[in-house]
Amino acid sequence: MKVINPPQRIWVNGKEIFATIFKLQCDFDNLIDKASFIYTLYSDDFTLLVQGYLNMNEPDYTTDWFSNDAAYNWAAKELGLIITGNYQD
């Protein structure tokens, strides 16, 4: 999981809550040219605020990534988020 800053304003049940934690999970990867991810945004107290899907295809898909950071950076760019570090529990 990653920390995002500035926090993202999310309207939930009639009130504004700030998302500060970003989670990305691979749902599908054909290991050739496409992958699907589930992203989740949480508040500081781990209230789930937003969840959705992102699909990656060529030319964004690459098989030479050495860490999950590349996928996180791609997803953050797609969602307009700024990652400022790793989440420490």
N, C-alpha and C. Protein backbone atom coordinates (compact mmCIF):
# COMPACT_ATOMS: atom_id res chain seq x y z
N MET A 1 0.84 -1.16 0.00
CA MET A 1 0.00 0.00 0.00
C MET A 1 0.89 1.23 0.00
N LYS A 2 0.32 2.33 -0.49
CA LYS A 2 1.06 3.57 -0.61
C LYS A 2 0.31 4.72 0.05
N VAL A 3 1.05 5.71 0.46
CA VAL A 3 0.48 6.94 1.01
C VAL A 3 0.34 7.92 -0.14
N ILE A 4 -0.80 8.61 -0.20
CA ILE A 4 -1.00 9.64 -1.23
C ILE A 4 -1.13 11.00 -0.55
N ASN A 5 -0.59 12.01 -1.22
CA ASN A 5 -0.67 13.36 -0.71
C ASN A 5 -0.58 14.31 -1.90
N PRO A 6 -1.46 15.27 -2.06
CA PRO A 6 -2.46 15.66 -1.08
C PRO A 6 -3.57 14.63 -0.98
N PRO A 7 -4.22 14.55 0.20
CA PRO A 7 -5.35 13.63 0.35
C PRO A 7 -6.44 13.94 -0.67
N GLN A 8 -7.11 12.91 -1.13
CA GLN A 8 -8.18 13.06 -2.11
C GLN A 8 -9.51 13.18 -1.39
N ARG A 9 -10.27 14.22 -1.73
CA ARG A 9 -11.58 14.43 -1.12
C ARG A 9 -12.59 13.48 -1.74
N ILE A 10 -13.27 12.73 -0.89
CA ILE A 10 -14.28 11.77 -1.33
C ILE A 10 -15.56 12.06 -0.56
N TRP A 11 -16.68 12.15 -1.27
CA TRP A 11 -17.97 12.38 -0.65
C TRP A 11 -18.61 11.03 -0.33
N VAL A 12 -18.83 10.74 0.96
CA VAL A 12 -19.38 9.46 1.38
C VAL A 12 -20.51 9.70 2.38
N ASN A 13 -21.69 9.20 2.04
CA ASN A 13 -22.84 9.30 2.95
C ASN A 13 -23.05 10.70 3.51
N GLY A 14 -22.98 11.69 2.65
CA GLY A 14 -23.26 13.06 3.05
C GLY A 14 -22.15 13.80 3.73
N LYS A 15 -20.96 13.23 3.76
CA LYS A 15 -19.84 13.97 4.34
C LYS A 15 -18.57 13.76 3.54
N GLU A 16 -17.69 14.72 3.67
CA GLU A 16 -16.42 14.70 2.95
C GLU A 16 -15.38 13.98 3.80
N ILE A 17 -14.78 12.94 3.23
CA ILE A 17 -13.72 12.18 3.90
C ILE A 17 -12.50 12.20 2.99
N PHE A 18 -11.33 12.22 3.58
CA PHE A 18 -10.10 12.30 2.81
C PHE A 18 -9.44 10.94 2.67
N ALA A 19 -9.14 10.57 1.44
CA ALA A 19 -8.41 9.34 1.15
C ALA A 19 -6.92 9.64 1.25
N THR A 20 -6.22 8.82 2.01
CA THR A 20 -4.77 9.00 2.19
C THR A 20 -3.97 7.74 1.89
N ILE A 21 -4.67 6.61 1.72
CA ILE A 21 -4.00 5.33 1.50
C ILE A 21 -4.50 4.73 0.19
N PHE A 22 -3.58 4.27 -0.62
CA PHE A 22 -3.85 3.74 -1.96
C PHE A 22 -3.35 2.30 -2.02
N LYS A 23 -4.26 1.39 -2.37
CA LYS A 23 -3.90 -0.02 -2.50
C LYS A 23 -4.16 -0.46 -3.93
N LEU A 24 -3.25 -1.24 -4.48
CA LEU A 24 -3.39 -1.76 -5.84
C LEU A 24 -3.16 -3.27 -5.79
N GLN A 25 -4.05 -4.01 -6.40
CA GLN A 25 -3.96 -5.47 -6.42
C GLN A 25 -4.16 -5.96 -7.85
N CYS A 26 -3.29 -6.84 -8.30
CA CYS A 26 -3.43 -7.41 -9.63
C CYS A 26 -4.55 -8.44 -9.62
N ASP A 27 -5.50 -8.26 -10.53
CA ASP A 27 -6.63 -9.17 -10.65
C ASP A 27 -6.40 -10.19 -11.77
N PHE A 28 -5.69 -9.76 -12.81
CA PHE A 28 -5.41 -10.62 -13.96
C PHE A 28 -4.15 -10.12 -14.65
N ASP A 29 -3.32 -11.04 -15.10
CA ASP A 29 -2.13 -10.68 -15.87
C ASP A 29 -1.82 -11.85 -16.80
N ASN A 30 -1.86 -11.60 -18.11
CA ASN A 30 -1.58 -12.69 -19.04
C ASN A 30 -0.07 -12.85 -19.29
N LEU A 31 0.74 -12.02 -18.63
CA LEU A 31 2.21 -12.07 -18.71
C LEU A 31 2.75 -11.83 -20.12
N ILE A 32 1.91 -11.27 -20.98
CA ILE A 32 2.34 -10.96 -22.34
C ILE A 32 2.11 -9.48 -22.66
N ASP A 33 0.84 -9.05 -22.59
CA ASP A 33 0.55 -7.69 -23.02
C ASP A 33 -0.63 -7.01 -22.33
N LYS A 34 -1.20 -7.61 -21.29
CA LYS A 34 -2.30 -6.95 -20.60
C LYS A 34 -2.44 -7.44 -19.17
N ALA A 35 -2.96 -6.53 -18.34
CA ALA A 35 -3.21 -6.84 -16.93
C ALA A 35 -4.40 -6.01 -16.46
N SER A 36 -5.04 -6.49 -15.42
CA SER A 36 -6.17 -5.81 -14.81
C SER A 36 -5.89 -5.66 -13.32
N PHE A 37 -6.22 -4.50 -12.78
CA PHE A 37 -5.94 -4.20 -11.38
C PHE A 37 -7.19 -3.72 -10.67
N ILE A 38 -7.27 -4.04 -9.38
CA ILE A 38 -8.30 -3.48 -8.51
C ILE A 38 -7.59 -2.43 -7.66
N TYR A 39 -8.12 -1.20 -7.66
CA TYR A 39 -7.55 -0.17 -6.81
C TYR A 39 -8.54 0.17 -5.71
N THR A 40 -8.00 0.56 -4.56
CA THR A 40 -8.83 0.94 -3.42
C THR A 40 -8.21 2.16 -2.76
N LEU A 41 -9.05 3.11 -2.40
CA LEU A 41 -8.63 4.28 -1.63
C LEU A 41 -9.26 4.19 -0.25
N TYR A 42 -8.44 4.38 0.78
CA TYR A 42 -8.87 4.31 2.17
C TYR A 42 -8.59 5.63 2.88
N SER A 43 -9.35 5.88 3.94
CA SER A 43 -9.06 7.00 4.83
C SER A 43 -7.98 6.55 5.82
N ASP A 44 -7.55 7.48 6.68
CA ASP A 44 -6.53 7.16 7.69
C ASP A 44 -6.94 6.01 8.61
N ASP A 45 -8.24 5.87 8.87
CA ASP A 45 -8.70 4.81 9.77
C ASP A 45 -9.15 3.56 9.00
N PHE A 46 -8.72 3.45 7.76
CA PHE A 46 -9.00 2.31 6.88
C PHE A 46 -10.47 2.14 6.51
N THR A 47 -11.20 3.23 6.48
CA THR A 47 -12.55 3.20 5.92
C THR A 47 -12.40 3.11 4.42
N LEU A 48 -13.02 2.11 3.81
CA LEU A 48 -12.96 1.96 2.35
C LEU A 48 -13.81 3.07 1.73
N LEU A 49 -13.20 3.88 0.88
CA LEU A 49 -13.89 5.02 0.27
C LEU A 49 -14.22 4.79 -1.19
N VAL A 50 -13.29 4.24 -1.94
CA VAL A 50 -13.47 4.04 -3.38
C VAL A 50 -12.78 2.74 -3.78
N GLN A 51 -13.43 2.00 -4.67
CA GLN A 51 -12.81 0.81 -5.23
C GLN A 51 -13.20 0.73 -6.69
N GLY A 52 -12.26 0.35 -7.54
CA GLY A 52 -12.54 0.25 -8.96
C GLY A 52 -11.51 -0.59 -9.68
N TYR A 53 -11.64 -0.63 -10.99
CA TYR A 53 -10.77 -1.44 -11.84
C TYR A 53 -10.00 -0.56 -12.82
N LEU A 54 -8.78 -0.97 -13.11
CA LEU A 54 -7.98 -0.35 -14.16
C LEU A 54 -7.45 -1.47 -15.06
N ASN A 55 -7.48 -1.23 -16.35
CA ASN A 55 -6.94 -2.19 -17.32
C ASN A 55 -5.71 -1.61 -17.98
N MET A 56 -4.66 -2.39 -17.99
CA MET A 56 -3.41 -1.97 -18.63
C MET A 56 -3.18 -2.81 -19.87
N ASN A 57 -2.88 -2.13 -20.96
CA ASN A 57 -2.56 -2.77 -22.23
C ASN A 57 -1.28 -2.17 -22.77
N GLU A 58 -0.79 -2.72 -23.87
CA GLU A 58 0.36 -2.11 -24.53
C GLU A 58 -0.04 -0.71 -24.98
N PRO A 59 0.80 0.28 -24.97
CA PRO A 59 2.24 0.22 -24.72
C PRO A 59 2.62 0.34 -23.24
N ASP A 60 1.63 0.53 -22.36
CA ASP A 60 1.94 0.68 -20.93
C ASP A 60 2.43 -0.63 -20.31
N TYR A 61 1.91 -1.73 -20.79
CA TYR A 61 2.28 -3.04 -20.21
C TYR A 61 3.72 -3.39 -20.59
N THR A 62 4.45 -3.84 -19.60
CA THR A 62 5.81 -4.30 -19.84
C THR A 62 6.09 -5.51 -18.95
N THR A 63 6.90 -6.41 -19.40
CA THR A 63 7.18 -7.62 -18.62
C THR A 63 8.51 -7.55 -17.88
N ASP A 64 9.21 -6.42 -17.97
CA ASP A 64 10.53 -6.34 -17.33
C ASP A 64 10.53 -5.53 -16.03
N TRP A 65 9.38 -5.40 -15.40
CA TRP A 65 9.33 -4.69 -14.11
C TRP A 65 9.99 -5.53 -13.05
N PHE A 66 10.73 -4.86 -12.18
CA PHE A 66 11.42 -5.56 -11.11
C PHE A 66 10.72 -5.40 -9.76
N SER A 67 9.69 -4.54 -9.72
CA SER A 67 8.96 -4.33 -8.47
C SER A 67 7.54 -3.89 -8.79
N ASN A 68 6.71 -3.87 -7.77
CA ASN A 68 5.34 -3.40 -7.93
C ASN A 68 5.25 -1.90 -8.08
N ASP A 69 6.34 -1.19 -7.80
CA ASP A 69 6.30 0.26 -7.88
C ASP A 69 5.92 0.76 -9.27
N ALA A 70 6.35 0.08 -10.31
CA ALA A 70 6.01 0.51 -11.67
C ALA A 70 4.50 0.46 -11.89
N ALA A 71 3.85 -0.60 -11.42
CA ALA A 71 2.40 -0.71 -11.55
C ALA A 71 1.71 0.36 -10.71
N TYR A 72 2.19 0.56 -9.48
CA TYR A 72 1.62 1.61 -8.63
C TYR A 72 1.76 2.98 -9.29
N ASN A 73 2.93 3.28 -9.83
CA ASN A 73 3.15 4.59 -10.48
C ASN A 73 2.25 4.77 -11.69
N TRP A 74 2.08 3.71 -12.48
CA TRP A 74 1.18 3.78 -13.63
C TRP A 74 -0.25 4.04 -13.17
N ALA A 75 -0.72 3.29 -12.17
CA ALA A 75 -2.09 3.45 -11.69
C ALA A 75 -2.30 4.83 -11.08
N ALA A 76 -1.34 5.31 -10.32
CA ALA A 76 -1.45 6.65 -9.73
C ALA A 76 -1.58 7.71 -10.81
N LYS A 77 -0.81 7.57 -11.87
CA LYS A 77 -0.90 8.52 -12.98
C LYS A 77 -2.29 8.45 -13.62
N GLU A 78 -2.80 7.24 -13.84
CA GLU A 78 -4.13 7.08 -14.43
C GLU A 78 -5.23 7.70 -13.56
N LEU A 79 -5.06 7.64 -12.25
CA LEU A 79 -6.07 8.14 -11.32
C LEU A 79 -5.83 9.58 -10.87
N GLY A 80 -4.71 10.15 -11.27
CA GLY A 80 -4.39 11.52 -10.88
C GLY A 80 -3.95 11.64 -9.43
N LEU A 81 -3.31 10.59 -8.91
CA LEU A 81 -2.83 10.58 -7.53
C LEU A 81 -1.33 10.83 -7.48
N ILE A 82 -0.87 11.32 -6.33
CA ILE A 82 0.56 11.51 -6.11
C ILE A 82 0.97 10.62 -4.94
N ILE A 83 1.83 9.66 -5.21
CA ILE A 83 2.35 8.75 -4.18
C ILE A 83 3.52 9.44 -3.47
N THR A 84 3.45 9.47 -2.13
CA THR A 84 4.53 10.10 -1.39
C THR A 84 5.33 9.13 -0.54
N GLY A 85 4.95 7.85 -0.55
CA GLY A 85 5.72 6.87 0.20
C GLY A 85 4.97 5.58 0.40
N ASN A 86 5.62 4.65 1.05
CA ASN A 86 5.01 3.37 1.39
C ASN A 86 4.22 3.52 2.68
N TYR A 87 3.11 2.83 2.77
CA TYR A 87 2.32 2.83 4.00
C TYR A 87 3.03 2.00 5.04
N GLN A 88 3.17 2.55 6.24
CA GLN A 88 3.79 1.85 7.37
C GLN A 88 2.71 1.62 8.42
N ASP A 89 2.42 0.36 8.72
CA ASP A 89 1.41 0.12 9.76
C ASP A 89 2.00 -0.01 11.11
